[in-house]
Amino acid sequence: MIRTLSIATLLFAPIVASAATQLPSAPYLPLELATKAAQTALKTCTEQGYNVSVAIVARDGATKVLLKADNSGPHTTSSAQGKAFTSAAMGRDTAGLADFIAGKPANDGLRDMDSRMVIQGGGLPIKFDKALVAGIGVGGAPSGDIDAGCAAAGLKAIGAVN
């Protein structure tokens, strides 16, 4: 009897152990891809004559990459980080979010949801398939459209969905 129980225990132990230790997994943006996206966005803007900053913020809100072009303004780093944070947190582009708030005054409270949020054009979510993994933000060009174009170049460089 003890022998039968011992054999049964040995046979079923791996099944129980594997079920107990499986943890959920979530996609994330590796540092290598984040750096490549940021460098491409920065290069795109500097080639157009704009001294900007570029930030990549992970889905959890942590800044993974922050690049500041030579001679970019002191405000550009916080602008880029805020736009990236907002896109990562909300899962949408910051220009579209600004339009969403402007079109529905009841949503104006989104502006005050978190002090790190910057709701101006230039932030894009970083997605692979449908998985939101991060946000990219560019700050310092004369318009949010230019910032967003540079950010889009960064996404394209890593094959992310725009």
Protein backbone atom coordinates (compact mmCIF):
# COMPACT_ATOMS: atom_id res chain seq x y z
CA MET A 1 0.00 0.00 0.00
CA ILE A 2 2.76 2.45 0.93
CA ARG A 3 4.57 1.52 -2.25
CA THR A 4 1.47 2.31 -4.36
CA LEU A 5 1.03 5.67 -2.65
CA SER A 6 4.69 6.51 -3.17
CA ILE A 7 4.48 5.72 -6.89
CA ALA A 8 1.26 7.72 -7.26
CA THR A 9 2.84 10.67 -5.44
CA LEU A 10 5.87 10.61 -7.73
CA LEU A 11 3.69 10.44 -10.83
CA PHE A 12 1.39 13.32 -9.91
CA ALA A 13 3.85 15.63 -8.12
CA PRO A 14 5.13 17.31 -11.32
CA ILE A 15 1.57 18.13 -12.39
CA VAL A 16 0.73 19.72 -9.06
CA ALA A 17 4.08 21.53 -8.87
CA SER A 18 3.81 23.01 -12.35
CA ALA A 19 0.25 24.21 -11.76
CA ALA A 20 1.25 25.83 -8.50
CA THR A 21 4.27 27.67 -9.89
CA GLN A 22 2.90 29.06 -13.13
CA LEU A 23 2.87 32.82 -12.97
CA PRO A 24 1.13 35.17 -15.36
CA SER A 25 3.38 36.70 -17.94
CA ALA A 26 3.05 39.99 -19.72
CA PRO A 27 4.81 41.33 -22.80
CA TYR A 28 7.30 44.14 -22.25
CA LEU A 29 9.61 46.34 -24.30
CA PRO A 30 13.24 45.19 -24.04
CA LEU A 31 15.82 47.91 -23.43
CA GLU A 32 17.52 47.25 -26.78
CA LEU A 33 14.30 48.01 -28.70
CA ALA A 34 13.48 50.99 -26.51
CA THR A 35 16.91 52.46 -27.15
CA LYS A 36 16.65 51.89 -30.90
CA ALA A 37 13.23 53.59 -31.05
CA ALA A 38 14.45 56.57 -29.03
CA GLN A 39 17.62 56.99 -31.08
CA THR A 40 15.68 56.84 -34.34
CA ALA A 41 13.14 59.40 -33.14
CA LEU A 42 15.91 61.73 -31.98
CA LYS A 43 17.84 61.36 -35.23
CA THR A 44 14.69 62.00 -37.28
CA CYS A 45 14.02 65.27 -35.48
CA THR A 46 17.63 66.46 -35.47
CA GLU A 47 17.90 65.80 -39.20
CA GLN A 48 14.92 68.14 -39.61
CA GLY A 49 16.68 70.78 -37.52
CA TYR A 50 14.81 70.27 -34.24
CA ASN A 51 16.64 69.84 -30.94
CA VAL A 52 14.30 67.63 -28.95
CA SER A 53 14.25 65.14 -26.13
CA VAL A 54 12.86 61.63 -26.50
CA ALA A 55 11.60 59.38 -23.72
CA ILE A 56 10.43 55.79 -23.60
CA VAL A 57 8.29 54.92 -20.59
CA ALA A 58 7.42 51.30 -19.79
CA ARG A 59 3.85 50.21 -19.20
CA ASP A 60 4.43 50.42 -15.44
CA GLY A 61 5.35 54.12 -15.72
CA ALA A 62 9.12 53.75 -15.29
CA THR A 63 11.34 55.69 -17.68
CA LYS A 64 13.46 53.23 -19.66
CA VAL A 65 15.26 55.64 -21.99
CA LEU A 66 15.68 59.41 -22.02
CA LEU A 67 17.74 61.14 -24.72
CA LYS A 68 18.29 64.89 -24.88
CA ALA A 69 19.67 66.44 -28.05
CA ASP A 70 22.48 68.95 -27.83
CA ASN A 71 21.07 72.45 -27.42
CA SER A 72 17.54 71.26 -26.67
CA GLY A 73 15.58 73.38 -24.23
CA PRO A 74 15.44 72.59 -20.52
CA HIS A 75 11.71 71.89 -20.70
CA THR A 76 12.02 69.20 -23.38
CA THR A 77 12.95 66.33 -21.07
CA SER A 78 9.91 66.70 -18.81
CA SER A 79 7.70 67.22 -21.85
CA ALA A 80 8.97 64.04 -23.54
CA GLN A 81 8.66 61.99 -20.35
CA GLY A 82 5.15 63.29 -19.67
CA LYS A 83 3.97 62.51 -23.19
CA ALA A 84 5.50 59.02 -23.05
CA PHE A 85 3.98 58.40 -19.61
CA THR A 86 0.56 59.54 -20.77
CA SER A 87 0.64 57.30 -23.85
CA ALA A 88 1.81 54.31 -21.81
CA ALA A 89 -0.80 54.90 -19.11
CA MET A 90 -3.76 55.66 -21.38
CA GLY A 91 -2.84 53.46 -24.34
CA ARG A 92 -3.45 56.18 -26.90
CA ASP A 93 -1.73 59.04 -28.64
CA THR A 94 -1.57 62.27 -26.69
CA ALA A 95 -2.91 64.47 -29.51
CA GLY A 96 -5.97 62.24 -29.79
CA LEU A 97 -6.41 62.38 -26.03
CA ALA A 98 -6.26 66.19 -26.12
CA ASP A 99 -8.97 66.21 -28.78
CA PHE A 100 -11.03 63.71 -26.75
CA ILE A 101 -10.90 65.98 -23.70
CA ALA A 102 -11.58 69.15 -25.69
CA GLY A 103 -14.60 67.53 -27.37
CA LYS A 104 -16.12 66.30 -24.10
CA PRO A 105 -15.69 68.74 -21.22
CA ALA A 106 -16.87 66.06 -18.78
CA ASN A 107 -13.53 64.31 -19.43
CA ASP A 108 -11.46 67.35 -18.42
CA GLY A 109 -10.62 65.60 -15.13
CA LEU A 110 -8.23 63.38 -17.08
CA ARG A 111 -5.80 66.31 -17.11
CA ASP A 112 -5.51 66.09 -13.33
CA MET A 113 -5.43 62.31 -13.02
CA ASP A 114 -1.67 62.19 -12.52
CA SER A 115 0.81 65.05 -12.30
CA ARG A 116 3.13 63.26 -14.75
CA MET A 117 0.62 63.42 -17.59
CA VAL A 118 1.24 65.78 -20.50
CA ILE A 119 -1.70 66.05 -22.86
CA GLN A 120 -0.17 67.60 -25.96
CA GLY A 121 0.76 66.07 -29.30
CA GLY A 122 3.98 64.07 -29.47
CA GLY A 123 3.25 60.96 -27.42
CA LEU A 124 2.40 57.59 -28.95
CA PRO A 125 1.66 54.23 -27.38
CA ILE A 126 4.05 51.41 -28.27
CA LYS A 127 2.16 48.26 -29.19
CA PHE A 128 3.08 44.93 -30.66
CA ASP A 129 0.03 43.24 -32.08
CA LYS A 130 -2.55 44.40 -29.54
CA ALA A 131 -0.23 44.38 -26.53
CA LEU A 132 0.54 47.80 -25.06
CA VAL A 133 4.13 47.66 -23.78
CA ALA A 134 5.26 51.29 -23.43
CA GLY A 135 4.92 54.85 -24.63
CA ILE A 136 7.23 57.13 -26.59
CA GLY A 137 7.25 60.88 -26.19
CA VAL A 138 9.06 63.60 -28.10
CA GLY A 139 9.23 67.17 -26.87
CA GLY A 140 10.82 70.29 -28.26
CA ALA A 141 9.83 70.66 -31.90
CA PRO A 142 7.66 73.68 -32.80
CA SER A 143 4.49 71.54 -32.93
CA GLY A 144 3.07 68.35 -31.55
CA ASP A 145 2.60 67.07 -35.09
CA ILE A 146 6.35 67.24 -35.72
CA ASP A 147 7.04 65.59 -32.34
CA ALA A 148 4.57 62.82 -33.20
CA GLY A 149 6.15 62.30 -36.62
CA CYS A 150 9.54 61.75 -35.03
CA ALA A 151 8.00 59.39 -32.48
CA ALA A 152 6.31 57.45 -35.30
CA ALA A 153 9.71 57.02 -37.00
CA GLY A 154 10.97 55.44 -33.77
CA LEU A 155 8.04 53.02 -33.73
CA LYS A 156 8.61 52.09 -37.35
CA ALA A 157 12.28 51.34 -36.64
CA ILE A 158 11.31 48.60 -34.18
CA GLY A 159 8.27 47.26 -36.01
CA ALA A 160 5.75 48.49 -33.45
CA VAL A 161 2.14 49.19 -34.35
CA ASN A 162 1.26 52.86 -34.71
